[in-house]
């Protein structure tokens, strides 16, 4: 994954957003939380960002790797050995994520 390699080169953690287009909370979460100026600025300044839909092959693989079962799903990972990644933190569900990041 290019984003994971980039995060390693830039000495930053990787922020992952997994999108489920069928989930009813996805549009509101994207518009009001993920795209808010405060969250977008913080994430873009401090992380390498990667996002994917669970309908796409890369997003589906990432969803399985991170064992994402509830959405919206955000995680912070870091590069590990042999192009693997280590999960440092995960948040899932709109109310939980919004309360965690916007305080």
Protein backbone atom coordinates (compact mmCIF):
# COMPACT_ATOMS: atom_id res chain seq x y z
CA UNK A 1 0.00 0.00 0.00
CA UNK A 2 1.48 3.31 -1.11
CA UNK A 3 0.01 5.29 1.80
CA UNK A 4 1.60 2.99 4.38
CA UNK A 5 5.00 3.33 2.70
CA UNK A 6 4.55 7.10 2.51
CA UNK A 7 3.69 7.27 6.22
CA UNK A 8 6.88 5.38 6.99
CA UNK A 9 8.99 7.70 4.81
CA UNK A 10 7.43 10.80 6.39
CA UNK A 11 7.64 9.41 9.95
CA UNK A 12 3.89 9.82 10.44
CA UNK A 13 1.08 7.52 11.45
CA UNK A 14 -1.55 6.48 8.92
CA UNK A 15 -5.15 7.63 9.42
CA UNK A 16 -7.58 5.19 7.78
CA UNK A 17 -11.22 5.89 6.95
CA UNK A 18 -13.35 2.99 5.72
CA UNK A 19 -16.52 4.06 3.97
CA UNK A 20 -19.67 1.96 3.82
CA UNK A 21 -21.96 3.64 1.25
CA UNK A 22 -24.94 1.60 2.45
CA UNK A 23 -24.66 2.73 6.06
CA UNK A 24 -27.23 5.41 6.94
CA UNK A 25 -24.74 7.39 9.07
CA UNK A 26 -22.09 7.68 6.32
CA UNK A 27 -23.32 10.87 4.57
CA UNK A 28 -23.79 12.82 7.80
CA UNK A 29 -20.47 11.61 9.23
CA UNK A 30 -18.57 12.57 6.07
CA UNK A 31 -20.20 16.00 5.79
CA UNK A 32 -20.32 17.05 9.43
CA UNK A 33 -17.36 15.33 11.07
CA UNK A 34 -14.74 14.08 8.64
CA UNK A 35 -14.95 17.16 6.40
CA UNK A 36 -15.21 19.70 9.20
CA UNK A 37 -12.41 22.24 9.00
CA UNK A 38 -11.06 21.39 12.44
CA UNK A 39 -10.91 17.61 11.88
CA UNK A 40 -9.63 17.83 8.29
CA UNK A 41 -6.88 20.28 9.25
CA UNK A 42 -5.75 18.20 12.23
CA UNK A 43 -5.73 14.92 10.32
CA UNK A 44 -3.98 16.38 7.26
CA UNK A 45 -1.27 18.05 9.36
CA UNK A 46 -0.52 15.08 11.59
CA UNK A 47 -1.13 11.93 9.54
CA UNK A 48 -0.84 10.43 6.12
CA UNK A 49 -4.47 9.77 5.18
CA UNK A 50 -6.01 6.86 3.34
CA UNK A 51 -9.66 6.15 2.70
CA UNK A 52 -11.51 3.47 0.86
CA UNK A 53 -14.96 2.08 0.26
CA UNK A 54 -15.63 -1.41 1.52
CA UNK A 55 -17.17 -2.06 -1.91
CA UNK A 56 -13.75 -1.65 -3.57
CA UNK A 57 -11.13 -4.37 -3.43
CA UNK A 58 -8.56 -2.35 -1.45
CA UNK A 59 -11.16 -1.05 0.99
CA UNK A 60 -12.60 -4.54 1.43
CA UNK A 61 -9.14 -5.98 2.15
CA UNK A 62 -8.40 -3.20 4.64
CA UNK A 63 -11.77 -3.75 6.29
CA UNK A 64 -10.94 -7.43 6.77
CA UNK A 65 -7.41 -6.67 7.99
CA UNK A 66 -8.70 -4.23 10.61
CA UNK A 67 -11.76 -6.37 11.43
CA UNK A 68 -14.10 -3.45 10.79
CA UNK A 69 -17.66 -4.47 11.54
CA UNK A 70 -19.39 -1.16 12.37
CA UNK A 71 -19.33 2.04 10.39
CA UNK A 72 -18.24 4.75 10.01
CA UNK A 73 -14.83 3.29 10.82
CA UNK A 74 -11.61 5.22 11.48
CA UNK A 75 -8.28 3.83 12.61
CA UNK A 76 -4.72 4.91 13.24
CA UNK A 77 -2.07 2.43 12.15
CA UNK A 78 1.68 2.39 11.76
CA UNK A 79 4.01 0.52 9.46
CA UNK A 80 5.37 -2.69 10.91
CA UNK A 81 7.66 -5.36 9.50
CA UNK A 82 7.36 -6.86 6.00
CA UNK A 83 4.87 -4.28 4.70
CA UNK A 84 2.45 -5.09 7.50
CA UNK A 85 0.74 -2.63 9.77
CA UNK A 86 0.07 -2.40 13.47
CA UNK A 87 -3.32 -1.15 14.65
CA UNK A 88 -2.87 1.55 17.29
CA UNK A 89 -6.43 2.85 17.67
CA UNK A 90 -9.84 2.36 16.11
CA UNK A 91 -13.19 4.10 16.41
CA UNK A 92 -16.44 2.98 14.89
CA UNK A 93 -19.97 4.31 14.84
CA UNK A 94 -20.83 7.94 14.15
CA UNK A 95 -21.67 9.10 17.67
CA UNK A 96 -18.58 7.49 19.19
CA UNK A 97 -16.20 8.91 16.59
CA UNK A 98 -17.68 12.41 16.66
CA UNK A 99 -17.51 12.55 20.45
CA UNK A 100 -13.93 11.22 20.48
CA UNK A 101 -12.43 13.57 17.91
CA UNK A 102 -14.40 16.76 18.35
CA UNK A 103 -13.78 17.28 22.06
